C-alpha atoms as a PDB file:
ATOM      1  CA  MET A   1      43.846  16.694 180.065  1.00  0.00           C
ATOM      2  CA  ARG A   2      43.447  20.445 179.622  1.00  0.00           C
ATOM      3  CA  ASP A   3      45.566  20.418 176.436  1.00  0.00           C
ATOM      4  CA  PHE A   4      43.480  17.520 175.133  1.00  0.00           C
ATOM      5  CA  LEU A   5      40.267  19.479 175.706  1.00  0.00           C
ATOM      6  CA  ARG A   6      41.606  22.604 174.028  1.00  0.00           C
ATOM      7  CA  GLY A   7      42.817  20.536 171.074  1.00  0.00           C
ATOM      8  CA  GLY A   8      39.361  18.993 170.888  1.00  0.00           C
ATOM      9  CA  ILE A   9      37.817  22.449 170.708  1.00  0.00           C
ATOM     10  CA  VAL A  10      40.045  23.386 167.758  1.00  0.00           C
ATOM     11  CA  LEU A  11      39.339  20.095 165.994  1.00  0.00           C
ATOM     12  CA  SER A  12      35.601  20.481 166.570  1.00  0.00           C
ATOM     13  CA  TYR A  13      35.710  24.012 165.202  1.00  0.00           C
ATOM     14  CA  VAL A  14      37.618  22.895 162.087  1.00  0.00           C
ATOM     15  CA  LEU A  15      35.066  20.122 161.510  1.00  0.00           C
ATOM     16  CA  LEU A  16      32.265  22.680 161.913  1.00  0.00           C
ATOM     17  CA  LEU A  17      33.924  24.927 159.300  1.00  0.00           C
ATOM     18  CA  VAL A  18      34.258  21.980 156.918  1.00  0.00           C
ATOM     19  CA  PHE A  19      30.598  21.047 157.431  1.00  0.00           C
ATOM     20  CA  LEU A  20      29.322  24.591 156.964  1.00  0.00           C
ATOM     21  CA  SER A  21      31.521  25.189 153.917  1.00  0.00           C
ATOM     22  CA  LEU A  22      30.681  21.985 152.065  1.00  0.00           C
ATOM     23  CA  ASN A  23      27.080  21.410 153.130  1.00  0.00           C
ATOM     24  CA  PRO A  24      24.984  21.632 149.950  1.00  0.00           C
ATOM     25  CA  TRP A  25      21.785  22.466 151.868  1.00  0.00           C
ATOM     26  CA  LEU A  26      23.133  25.653 153.408  1.00  0.00           C
ATOM     27  CA  ARG A  27      23.084  28.662 151.157  1.00  0.00           C
ATOM     28  CA  PRO A  28      24.913  31.733 152.460  1.00  0.00           C
ATOM     29  CA  ASP A  29      22.897  34.885 152.806  1.00  0.00           C
ATOM     30  CA  ALA A  30      24.655  37.633 150.859  1.00  0.00           C
ATOM     31  CA  HIS A  31      22.697  40.707 151.927  1.00  0.00           C
ATOM     32  CA  GLN A  32      24.713  43.877 151.552  1.00  0.00           C
ATOM     33  CA  ALA A  33      26.285  45.235 154.731  1.00  0.00           C
ATOM     34  CA  VAL A  34      28.493  48.187 153.689  1.00  0.00           C
ATOM     35  CA  GLY A  35      29.440  49.044 150.114  1.00  0.00           C
ATOM     36  CA  PHE A  36      30.409  45.859 148.283  1.00  0.00           C
ATOM     37  CA  ILE A  37      30.944  43.983 151.573  1.00  0.00           C
ATOM     38  CA  THR A  38      28.208  41.462 152.296  1.00  0.00           C
ATOM     39  CA  TRP A  39      27.344  39.684 155.525  1.00  0.00           C
ATOM     40  CA  ASP A  40      28.618  36.495 153.911  1.00  0.00           C
ATOM     41  CA  LEU A  41      32.102  38.020 153.606  1.00  0.00           C
ATOM     42  CA  VAL A  42      31.960  39.259 157.195  1.00  0.00           C
ATOM     43  CA  ASP A  43      31.009  35.723 158.294  1.00  0.00           C
ATOM     44  CA  HIS A  44      33.962  34.260 156.386  1.00  0.00           C
ATOM     45  CA  ALA A  45      36.417  36.732 157.902  1.00  0.00           C
ATOM     46  CA  ALA A  46      35.069  36.182 161.425  1.00  0.00           C
ATOM     47  CA  ALA A  47      35.137  32.393 161.082  1.00  0.00           C
ATOM     48  CA  TYR A  48      38.772  32.228 159.974  1.00  0.00           C
ATOM     49  CA  GLY A  49      39.821  34.967 162.395  1.00  0.00           C
ATOM     50  CA  LEU A  50      38.425  32.840 165.219  1.00  0.00           C
ATOM     51  CA  LEU A  51      40.227  29.783 163.839  1.00  0.00           C
ATOM     52  CA  THR A  52      43.529  31.683 163.915  1.00  0.00           C
ATOM     53  CA  VAL A  53      42.891  32.815 167.498  1.00  0.00           C
ATOM     54  CA  LEU A  54      42.071  29.230 168.522  1.00  0.00           C
ATOM     55  CA  LEU A  55      45.217  27.904 166.836  1.00  0.00           C
ATOM     56  CA  LEU A  56      47.431  30.528 168.473  1.00  0.00           C
ATOM     57  CA  SER A  57      45.860  29.881 171.864  1.00  0.00           C
ATOM     58  CA  GLN A  58      47.084  26.266 171.679  1.00  0.00           C
ATOM     59  CA  ILE A  59      50.755  27.241 171.503  1.00  0.00           C
ATOM     60  CA  LYS A  60      53.096  27.126 174.478  1.00  0.00           C
ATOM     61  CA  TRP A  61      55.144  30.205 173.712  1.00  0.00           C
ATOM     62  CA  ARG A  62      58.889  29.651 174.005  1.00  0.00           C
ATOM     63  CA  GLY A  63      60.174  32.103 171.424  1.00  0.00           C
ATOM     64  CA  ARG A  64      59.703  32.379 167.672  1.00  0.00           C
ATOM     65  CA  GLN A  65      56.363  34.115 168.088  1.00  0.00           C
ATOM     66  CA  SER A  66      56.448  35.697 164.641  1.00  0.00           C
ATOM     67  CA  MET A  67      57.174  32.393 162.883  1.00  0.00           C
ATOM     68  CA  ILE A  68      54.463  30.545 164.811  1.00  0.00           C
ATOM     69  CA  THR A  69      51.977  33.358 164.180  1.00  0.00           C
ATOM     70  CA  LEU A  70      52.755  33.294 160.473  1.00  0.00           C
ATOM     71  CA  LEU A  71      52.313  29.511 160.422  1.00  0.00           C
ATOM     72  CA  ALA A  72      48.930  29.743 162.187  1.00  0.00           C
ATOM     73  CA  VAL A  73      47.757  32.412 159.733  1.00  0.00           C
ATOM     74  CA  MET A  74      48.942  30.321 156.787  1.00  0.00           C
ATOM     75  CA  VAL A  75      47.205  27.172 158.071  1.00  0.00           C
ATOM     76  CA  SER A  76      43.953  29.041 158.695  1.00  0.00           C
ATOM     77  CA  ALA A  77      44.049  30.853 155.336  1.00  0.00           C
ATOM     78  CA  ALA A  78      45.011  27.680 153.450  1.00  0.00           C
ATOM     79  CA  LEU A  79      42.090  25.798 154.991  1.00  0.00           C
ATOM     80  CA  GLY A  80      39.752  28.600 153.917  1.00  0.00           C
ATOM     81  CA  VAL A  81      41.020  28.613 150.329  1.00  0.00           C
ATOM     82  CA  PHE A  82      41.034  24.798 150.196  1.00  0.00           C
ATOM     83  CA  LEU A  83      37.418  24.670 151.363  1.00  0.00           C
ATOM     84  CA  GLU A  84      36.466  27.220 148.710  1.00  0.00           C
ATOM     85  CA  PHE A  85      37.947  24.900 146.086  1.00  0.00           C
ATOM     86  CA  GLY A  86      36.140  22.040 147.835  1.00  0.00           C
ATOM     87  CA  GLN A  87      32.866  23.833 147.156  1.00  0.00           C
ATOM     88  CA  LEU A  88      33.760  23.831 143.461  1.00  0.00           C
ATOM     89  CA  TRP A  89      34.905  20.202 143.318  1.00  0.00           C
ATOM     90  CA  LEU A  90      32.740  18.416 145.896  1.00  0.00           C
ATOM     91  CA  THR A  91      29.322  20.075 145.705  1.00  0.00           C
ATOM     92  CA  SER A  92      26.997  20.829 142.856  1.00  0.00           C
ATOM     93  CA  VAL A  93      25.063  23.699 144.440  1.00  0.00           C
ATOM     94  CA  ARG A  94      27.883  25.649 146.134  1.00  0.00           C
ATOM     95  CA  SER A  95      30.422  27.585 144.105  1.00  0.00           C
ATOM     96  CA  PHE A  96      33.970  28.851 144.450  1.00  0.00           C
ATOM     97  CA  SER A  97      34.312  32.565 145.163  1.00  0.00           C
ATOM     98  CA  TRP A  98      37.541  34.556 145.158  1.00  0.00           C
ATOM     99  CA  PHE A  99      35.850  37.138 147.366  1.00  0.00           C
ATOM    100  CA  ASP A 100      35.143  34.457 149.975  1.00  0.00           C
ATOM    101  CA  ALA A 101      38.727  33.179 149.695  1.00  0.00           C
ATOM    102  CA  TYR A 102      40.089  36.703 150.194  1.00  0.00           C
ATOM    103  CA  ALA A 103      37.750  37.206 153.149  1.00  0.00           C
ATOM    104  CA  ASN A 104      39.085  33.971 154.681  1.00  0.00           C
ATOM    105  CA  ILE A 105      42.671  35.185 154.306  1.00  0.00           C
ATOM    106  CA  PHE A 106      41.811  38.646 155.634  1.00  0.00           C
ATOM    107  CA  GLY A 107      40.053  37.060 158.627  1.00  0.00           C
ATOM    108  CA  ALA A 108      43.062  34.856 159.372  1.00  0.00           C
ATOM    109  CA  VAL A 109      45.360  37.901 159.421  1.00  0.00           C
ATOM    110  CA  MET A 110      42.931  39.935 161.546  1.00  0.00           C
ATOM    111  CA  GLY A 111      42.619  36.987 163.946  1.00  0.00           C
ATOM    112  CA  ALA A 112      46.377  37.096 164.509  1.00  0.00           C
ATOM    113  CA  PHE A 113      46.220  40.843 165.169  1.00  0.00           C
ATOM    114  CA  ALA A 114      43.336  40.323 167.596  1.00  0.00           C
ATOM    115  CA  PHE A 115      45.208  37.549 169.404  1.00  0.00           C
ATOM    116  CA  TRP A 116      48.306  39.690 169.889  1.00  0.00           C
ATOM    117  CA  LEU A 117      46.255  42.713 170.899  1.00  0.00           C
ATOM    118  CA  ILE A 118      44.522  40.640 173.576  1.00  0.00           C
ATOM    119  CA  ARG A 119      47.873  39.247 174.759  1.00  0.00           C
ATOM    120  CA  LEU A 120      49.410  42.712 174.892  1.00  0.00           C
ATOM    121  CA  SER A 121      46.424  44.045 176.799  1.00  0.00           C
ATOM    122  CA  ALA A 122      46.673  41.195 179.336  1.00  0.00           C
ATOM    123  CA  SER A 123      50.410  41.818 179.797  1.00  0.00           C
ATOM    124  CA  LEU A 124      49.878  45.542 180.339  1.00  0.00           C
ATOM    125  CA  ARG A 125      47.160  44.797 182.905  1.00  0.00           C
ATOM    126  CA  LYS A 126      49.516  42.467 184.794  1.00  0.00           C
ATOM    127  CA  LEU A 127      52.115  45.219 184.909  1.00  0.00           C
ATOM    128  CA  GLY A 128      49.532  47.705 186.117  1.00  0.00           C
ATOM    129  CA  ILE A 129      50.025  49.966 183.106  1.00  0.00           C
ATOM    130  CA  LEU A 130      46.575  49.350 181.719  1.00  0.00           C
ATOM    131  CA  ARG A 131      43.478  49.375 183.858  1.00  0.00           C
ATOM    132  CA  TYR A 132      40.121  48.086 182.775  1.00  0.00           C
END
């Protein structure tokens, strides 16, 4: 039951990403954050970073961590790029952006780093090496 619920959370999140990416009534706010980076790009990176973390949290780890991590990053990044093309093909008011696609890929990679950093931190706490 617990695995079913966690899988439902990932599926719900993917459906939310699809809805937000392809919804013609939502227009992303592209106010400048730092340099050429806009809040829209930060949102893209955060969204696909979280997707990667959610995907990796579903795995029962029995070896091959690097291969599974790479697969999760590829799935998350591919969904982000696919949805960018979906904006071009399926909507008339949204447009494809390479910057958004790159932000999706960057977020997927950073999500994997965040996942492993959290896992490492938890392991070091269990061993008593790292304290809050």
